[in-house]
């Protein structure tokens, strides 16, 4: 099984923080033109969706809007970069098809523990066509946790390409988990596992 290399609390927060924004209701006004407002408005809409308590609707929105606000293809490719030259076009296509559903199946239902949480943008650091948006995630009864969003300008707006929570780089961690699984079981078994999880 995959395992995030951090404490249970940090792992849960990581999952919630990286996936909250894609639950934003379709009608919500998300400002993707500037990095800070992008993360801020995306998170506000996401928490509102969670607070409805409707898991089925949240999962539907998650599947629909994942590609709208995250650089899904780029993230997926980065996670298997080590194996890129070793897999066939058919294997890559199967992985690409499985990846969004894997995210939904792995994380969606865990987010409701964060329905009463809030996210505050602290500052934004421009980095060319990208930016690091530094935030704090605050859950009642828990200490604030720092989350740094990497957002990239893609076409006419920004998309999230990575997240670092409490010093844990989620892309690096998930890539290591994928590497370990592939080494033990092979690439096709990874895709099968992802499809089963999704």
C-alpha atoms as a PDB file:
ATOM      1  CA  UNK A   1       0.000   0.000   0.000  1.00  0.00           C
ATOM      2  CA  UNK A   2       1.016   3.579  -0.536  1.00  0.00           C
ATOM      3  CA  UNK A   3       2.132   5.464   2.557  1.00  0.00           C
ATOM      4  CA  UNK A   4       2.888   9.158   2.996  1.00  0.00           C
ATOM      5  CA  UNK A   5       6.125   9.588   4.907  1.00  0.00           C
ATOM      6  CA  UNK A   6       4.889  11.889   7.651  1.00  0.00           C
ATOM      7  CA  UNK A   7       2.758  11.835  10.759  1.00  0.00           C
ATOM      8  CA  UNK A   8      -0.886  10.836  10.439  1.00  0.00           C
ATOM      9  CA  UNK A   9      -2.011  14.380  11.137  1.00  0.00           C
ATOM     10  CA  UNK A  10       0.251  15.899   8.504  1.00  0.00           C
ATOM     11  CA  UNK A  11      -0.754  13.231   6.014  1.00  0.00           C
ATOM     12  CA  UNK A  12      -4.434  13.916   6.497  1.00  0.00           C
ATOM     13  CA  UNK A  13      -3.892  17.647   6.151  1.00  0.00           C
ATOM     14  CA  UNK A  14      -1.790  17.117   3.031  1.00  0.00           C
ATOM     15  CA  UNK A  15      -4.558  15.110   1.425  1.00  0.00           C
ATOM     16  CA  UNK A  16      -7.155  17.685   2.336  1.00  0.00           C
ATOM     17  CA  UNK A  17      -5.155  20.697   1.296  1.00  0.00           C
ATOM     18  CA  UNK A  18      -4.132  19.410  -2.108  1.00  0.00           C
ATOM     19  CA  UNK A  19      -7.604  18.315  -3.066  1.00  0.00           C
ATOM     20  CA  UNK A  20      -9.927  20.832  -1.451  1.00  0.00           C
ATOM     21  CA  UNK A  21      -9.883  23.384  -4.268  1.00  0.00           C
ATOM     22  CA  UNK A  22     -11.113  21.033  -6.968  1.00  0.00           C
ATOM     23  CA  UNK A  23     -14.379  20.587  -5.091  1.00  0.00           C
ATOM     24  CA  UNK A  24     -15.377  24.171  -5.819  1.00  0.00           C
ATOM     25  CA  UNK A  25     -18.958  24.496  -7.079  1.00  0.00           C
ATOM     26  CA  UNK A  26     -19.182  25.160 -10.799  1.00  0.00           C
ATOM     27  CA  UNK A  27     -21.051  28.420 -10.194  1.00  0.00           C
ATOM     28  CA  UNK A  28     -18.481  29.792  -7.739  1.00  0.00           C
ATOM     29  CA  UNK A  29     -16.457  32.814  -8.815  1.00  0.00           C
ATOM     30  CA  UNK A  30     -12.871  31.561  -8.895  1.00  0.00           C
ATOM     31  CA  UNK A  31     -10.298  34.194  -9.797  1.00  0.00           C
ATOM     32  CA  UNK A  32      -7.536  32.355 -11.652  1.00  0.00           C
ATOM     33  CA  UNK A  33      -5.875  35.511 -12.970  1.00  0.00           C
ATOM     34  CA  UNK A  34      -3.589  36.208  -9.975  1.00  0.00           C
ATOM     35  CA  UNK A  35      -1.871  33.539  -7.818  1.00  0.00           C
ATOM     36  CA  UNK A  36      -3.003  34.729  -4.378  1.00  0.00           C
ATOM     37  CA  UNK A  37      -6.661  35.362  -5.236  1.00  0.00           C
ATOM     38  CA  UNK A  38      -6.686  32.104  -7.209  1.00  0.00           C
ATOM     39  CA  UNK A  39      -5.791  29.994  -4.179  1.00  0.00           C
ATOM     40  CA  UNK A  40      -7.958  32.111  -1.874  1.00  0.00           C
ATOM     41  CA  UNK A  41     -11.174  32.013  -3.922  1.00  0.00           C
ATOM     42  CA  UNK A  42     -10.671  28.379  -4.875  1.00  0.00           C
ATOM     43  CA  UNK A  43     -10.341  27.415  -1.222  1.00  0.00           C
ATOM     44  CA  UNK A  44     -13.343  29.484  -0.136  1.00  0.00           C
ATOM     45  CA  UNK A  45     -15.527  27.757  -2.700  1.00  0.00           C
ATOM     46  CA  UNK A  46     -14.127  24.361  -1.730  1.00  0.00           C
ATOM     47  CA  UNK A  47     -14.884  24.716   1.972  1.00  0.00           C
ATOM     48  CA  UNK A  48     -18.412  25.856   1.081  1.00  0.00           C
ATOM     49  CA  UNK A  49     -18.892  22.670  -0.947  1.00  0.00           C
ATOM     50  CA  UNK A  50     -17.634  20.509   1.906  1.00  0.00           C
ATOM     51  CA  UNK A  51     -19.957  22.158   4.385  1.00  0.00           C
ATOM     52  CA  UNK A  52     -23.016  21.001   2.461  1.00  0.00           C
ATOM     53  CA  UNK A  53     -22.229  17.482   3.718  1.00  0.00           C
ATOM     54  CA  UNK A  54     -23.191  15.939   0.374  1.00  0.00           C
ATOM     55  CA  UNK A  55     -20.412  13.439  -0.377  1.00  0.00           C
ATOM     56  CA  UNK A  56     -21.863  12.244  -3.662  1.00  0.00           C
ATOM     57  CA  UNK A  57     -22.112  15.766  -5.031  1.00  0.00           C
ATOM     58  CA  UNK A  58     -18.625  16.595  -3.802  1.00  0.00           C
ATOM     59  CA  UNK A  59     -17.161  13.559  -5.574  1.00  0.00           C
ATOM     60  CA  UNK A  60     -18.959  14.507  -8.784  1.00  0.00           C
ATOM     61  CA  UNK A  61     -17.606  18.039  -8.593  1.00  0.00           C
ATOM     62  CA  UNK A  62     -14.184  16.671  -7.779  1.00  0.00           C
ATOM     63  CA  UNK A  63     -14.124  14.552 -10.943  1.00  0.00           C
ATOM     64  CA  UNK A  64     -15.502  17.346 -13.093  1.00  0.00           C
ATOM     65  CA  UNK A  65     -13.288  20.184 -11.875  1.00  0.00           C
ATOM     66  CA  UNK A  66      -9.988  18.424 -11.197  1.00  0.00           C
ATOM     67  CA  UNK A  67      -8.709  19.177 -14.678  1.00  0.00           C
ATOM     68  CA  UNK A  68      -9.938  22.767 -14.497  1.00  0.00           C
ATOM     69  CA  UNK A  69      -7.813  23.864 -11.548  1.00  0.00           C
ATOM     70  CA  UNK A  70      -4.879  21.441 -11.410  1.00  0.00           C
ATOM     71  CA  UNK A  71      -2.206  20.693 -14.016  1.00  0.00           C
ATOM     72  CA  UNK A  72      -3.264  17.035 -13.911  1.00  0.00           C
ATOM     73  CA  UNK A  73      -1.286  15.781 -16.902  1.00  0.00           C
ATOM     74  CA  UNK A  74       1.911  17.552 -15.827  1.00  0.00           C
ATOM     75  CA  UNK A  75       1.582  16.268 -12.254  1.00  0.00           C
ATOM     76  CA  UNK A  76       0.935  12.728 -13.442  1.00  0.00           C
ATOM     77  CA  UNK A  77       3.936  12.765 -15.769  1.00  0.00           C
ATOM     78  CA  UNK A  78       6.202  14.116 -13.042  1.00  0.00           C
ATOM     79  CA  UNK A  79       5.278  11.263 -10.728  1.00  0.00           C
ATOM     80  CA  UNK A  80       6.505   8.625 -13.200  1.00  0.00           C
ATOM     81  CA  UNK A  81       9.395  10.570 -14.742  1.00  0.00           C
ATOM     82  CA  UNK A  82      11.897   7.885 -13.742  1.00  0.00           C
ATOM     83  CA  UNK A  83       9.989   5.308 -15.805  1.00  0.00           C
ATOM     84  CA  UNK A  84       9.118   7.491 -18.773  1.00  0.00           C
ATOM     85  CA  UNK A  85      11.659   5.934 -21.160  1.00  0.00           C
ATOM     86  CA  UNK A  86      10.757   2.387 -20.105  1.00  0.00           C
ATOM     87  CA  UNK A  87       7.004   2.306 -20.619  1.00  0.00           C
ATOM     88  CA  UNK A  88       5.063   1.860 -23.845  1.00  0.00           C
ATOM     89  CA  UNK A  89       2.630   4.419 -25.293  1.00  0.00           C
ATOM     90  CA  UNK A  90      -0.209   2.076 -24.313  1.00  0.00           C
ATOM     91  CA  UNK A  91       1.000   1.909 -20.714  1.00  0.00           C
ATOM     92  CA  UNK A  92       1.325   5.698 -20.577  1.00  0.00           C
ATOM     93  CA  UNK A  93      -2.202   6.135 -21.934  1.00  0.00           C
ATOM     94  CA  UNK A  94      -3.611   3.664 -19.380  1.00  0.00           C
ATOM     95  CA  UNK A  95      -1.816   5.474 -16.552  1.00  0.00           C
ATOM     96  CA  UNK A  96      -3.011   8.869 -17.748  1.00  0.00           C
ATOM     97  CA  UNK A  97      -6.611   7.616 -17.870  1.00  0.00           C
ATOM     98  CA  UNK A  98      -6.369   6.098 -14.370  1.00  0.00           C
ATOM     99  CA  UNK A  99      -4.699   9.042 -12.648  1.00  0.00           C
ATOM    100  CA  UNK A 100      -7.673  11.416 -12.083  1.00  0.00           C
ATOM    101  CA  UNK A 101      -9.896   8.616 -10.759  1.00  0.00           C
ATOM    102  CA  UNK A 102      -7.076   7.462  -8.493  1.00  0.00           C
ATOM    103  CA  UNK A 103      -6.965  10.913  -6.906  1.00  0.00           C
ATOM    104  CA  UNK A 104     -10.723  10.924  -6.401  1.00  0.00           C
ATOM    105  CA  UNK A 105     -10.836   7.405  -5.000  1.00  0.00           C
ATOM    106  CA  UNK A 106      -7.882   7.939  -2.687  1.00  0.00           C
ATOM    107  CA  UNK A 107      -8.764  11.288  -1.176  1.00  0.00           C
ATOM    108  CA  UNK A 108     -12.322  12.529  -1.740  1.00  0.00           C
ATOM    109  CA  UNK A 109     -14.126  10.968   1.218  1.00  0.00           C
ATOM    110  CA  UNK A 110     -11.408  12.022   3.672  1.00  0.00           C
ATOM    111  CA  UNK A 111     -11.983  15.710   3.060  1.00  0.00           C
ATOM    112  CA  UNK A 112     -15.116  16.041   5.145  1.00  0.00           C
ATOM    113  CA  UNK A 113     -13.020  16.060   8.320  1.00  0.00           C
ATOM    114  CA  UNK A 114     -11.912  19.508   7.118  1.00  0.00           C
ATOM    115  CA  UNK A 115     -15.358  20.992   6.508  1.00  0.00           C
ATOM    116  CA  UNK A 116     -14.851  23.464   9.379  1.00  0.00           C
ATOM    117  CA  UNK A 117     -11.284  24.352   8.455  1.00  0.00           C
ATOM    118  CA  UNK A 118     -10.189  27.595   6.822  1.00  0.00           C
ATOM    119  CA  UNK A 119      -7.270  28.675   4.645  1.00  0.00           C
ATOM    120  CA  UNK A 120      -5.532  32.048   4.824  1.00  0.00           C
ATOM    121  CA  UNK A 121      -3.149  33.386   2.184  1.00  0.00           C
ATOM    122  CA  UNK A 122      -0.052  34.811   3.886  1.00  0.00           C
ATOM    123  CA  UNK A 123       2.003  35.997   0.912  1.00  0.00           C
ATOM    124  CA  UNK A 124       2.799  35.284  -2.727  1.00  0.00           C
ATOM    125  CA  UNK A 125       6.297  34.946  -4.176  1.00  0.00           C
ATOM    126  CA  UNK A 126       6.436  35.316  -7.996  1.00  0.00           C
ATOM    127  CA  UNK A 127       8.747  32.914  -9.850  1.00  0.00           C
ATOM    128  CA  UNK A 128       8.592  33.829 -13.533  1.00  0.00           C
ATOM    129  CA  UNK A 129       5.408  32.310 -14.985  1.00  0.00           C
ATOM    130  CA  UNK A 130       4.839  30.520 -11.689  1.00  0.00           C
ATOM    131  CA  UNK A 131       4.367  31.581  -8.083  1.00  0.00           C
ATOM    132  CA  UNK A 132       4.579  30.155  -4.589  1.00  0.00           C
ATOM    133  CA  UNK A 133       1.468  31.006  -2.580  1.00  0.00           C
ATOM    134  CA  UNK A 134       2.137  30.617   1.132  1.00  0.00           C
ATOM    135  CA  UNK A 135      -0.923  29.823   3.241  1.00  0.00           C
ATOM    136  CA  UNK A 136      -1.987  28.568   6.636  1.00  0.00           C
ATOM    137  CA  UNK A 137      -4.662  25.910   7.044  1.00  0.00           C
ATOM    138  CA  UNK A 138      -6.512  26.299  10.336  1.00  0.00           C
ATOM    139  CA  UNK A 139      -8.743  23.569  11.739  1.00  0.00           C
ATOM    140  CA  UNK A 140     -10.640  24.264  14.985  1.00  0.00           C
ATOM    141  CA  UNK A 141      -8.810  22.745  17.932  1.00  0.00           C
ATOM    142  CA  UNK A 142      -5.590  22.179  15.977  1.00  0.00           C
ATOM    143  CA  UNK A 143      -2.434  24.206  15.386  1.00  0.00           C
ATOM    144  CA  UNK A 144      -2.190  26.064  12.052  1.00  0.00           C
ATOM    145  CA  UNK A 145      -0.199  24.251   9.393  1.00  0.00           C
ATOM    146  CA  UNK A 146       1.749  25.988   6.639  1.00  0.00           C
ATOM    147  CA  UNK A 147       0.959  24.980   3.074  1.00  0.00           C
ATOM    148  CA  UNK A 148       2.865  26.352   0.077  1.00  0.00           C
ATOM    149  CA  UNK A 149       1.070  26.094  -3.263  1.00  0.00           C
ATOM    150  CA  UNK A 150       3.010  26.088  -6.512  1.00  0.00           C
ATOM    151  CA  UNK A 151       0.834  27.577  -9.240  1.00  0.00           C
ATOM    152  CA  UNK A 152       1.757  27.893 -12.913  1.00  0.00           C
ATOM    153  CA  UNK A 153       0.340  30.152 -15.631  1.00  0.00           C
ATOM    154  CA  UNK A 154      -1.319  27.810 -18.118  1.00  0.00           C
ATOM    155  CA  UNK A 155      -3.120  29.414 -21.028  1.00  0.00           C
ATOM    156  CA  UNK A 156      -5.366  32.160 -19.709  1.00  0.00           C
ATOM    157  CA  UNK A 157      -5.148  31.363 -16.002  1.00  0.00           C
ATOM    158  CA  UNK A 158      -3.286  29.642 -13.182  1.00  0.00           C
ATOM    159  CA  UNK A 159      -3.299  25.972 -12.233  1.00  0.00           C
ATOM    160  CA  UNK A 160      -1.919  24.219  -9.176  1.00  0.00           C
ATOM    161  CA  UNK A 161       1.112  22.059  -9.986  1.00  0.00           C
ATOM    162  CA  UNK A 162       2.334  21.072  -6.510  1.00  0.00           C
ATOM    163  CA  UNK A 163       1.883  21.560  -2.787  1.00  0.00           C
ATOM    164  CA  UNK A 164       4.240  21.446   0.171  1.00  0.00           C
ATOM    165  CA  UNK A 165       2.586  20.951   3.563  1.00  0.00           C
ATOM    166  CA  UNK A 166       4.529  21.243   6.828  1.00  0.00           C
ATOM    167  CA  UNK A 167       7.740  20.811   4.830  1.00  0.00           C
ATOM    168  CA  UNK A 168       6.470  17.696   2.993  1.00  0.00           C
ATOM    169  CA  UNK A 169       6.606  18.047  -0.810  1.00  0.00           C
ATOM    170  CA  UNK A 170       3.621  16.023  -1.982  1.00  0.00           C
ATOM    171  CA  UNK A 171       4.864  15.465  -5.538  1.00  0.00           C
ATOM    172  CA  UNK A 172       8.216  14.149  -4.307  1.00  0.00           C
ATOM    173  CA  UNK A 173       6.543  11.920  -1.724  1.00  0.00           C
ATOM    174  CA  UNK A 174       3.966  10.468  -4.120  1.00  0.00           C
ATOM    175  CA  UNK A 175       6.656   9.935  -6.772  1.00  0.00           C
ATOM    176  CA  UNK A 176       8.691   7.931  -4.272  1.00  0.00           C
ATOM    177  CA  UNK A 177       5.628   5.859  -3.413  1.00  0.00           C
ATOM    178  CA  UNK A 178       4.966   5.164  -7.097  1.00  0.00           C
ATOM    179  CA  UNK A 179       8.631   4.243  -7.648  1.00  0.00           C
ATOM    180  CA  UNK A 180       8.553   1.759  -4.779  1.00  0.00           C
ATOM    181  CA  UNK A 181       5.330   0.167  -6.036  1.00  0.00           C
ATOM    182  CA  UNK A 182       6.611  -0.156  -9.614  1.00  0.00           C
ATOM    183  CA  UNK A 183       9.918  -1.645  -8.483  1.00  0.00           C
ATOM    184  CA  UNK A 184       8.090  -4.313  -6.503  1.00  0.00           C
ATOM    185  CA  UNK A 185       5.114  -5.033  -8.764  1.00  0.00           C
ATOM    186  CA  UNK A 186       5.717  -3.553 -12.227  1.00  0.00           C
ATOM    187  CA  UNK A 187       4.094  -0.665 -14.070  1.00  0.00           C
ATOM    188  CA  UNK A 188       0.996  -2.557 -15.204  1.00  0.00           C
ATOM    189  CA  UNK A 189       0.220  -3.538 -11.615  1.00  0.00           C
ATOM    190  CA  UNK A 190       0.490   0.123 -10.604  1.00  0.00           C
ATOM    191  CA  UNK A 191      -2.144   1.048 -13.186  1.00  0.00           C
ATOM    192  CA  UNK A 192      -4.354  -1.833 -12.043  1.00  0.00           C
ATOM    193  CA  UNK A 193      -4.008  -0.672  -8.429  1.00  0.00           C
ATOM    194  CA  UNK A 194      -4.909   2.893  -9.432  1.00  0.00           C
ATOM    195  CA  UNK A 195      -7.986   1.701 -11.319  1.00  0.00           C
ATOM    196  CA  UNK A 196      -9.091  -0.379  -8.345  1.00  0.00           C
ATOM    197  CA  UNK A 197      -8.642   2.589  -6.000  1.00  0.00           C
ATOM    198  CA  UNK A 198     -10.529   4.887  -8.388  1.00  0.00           C
END
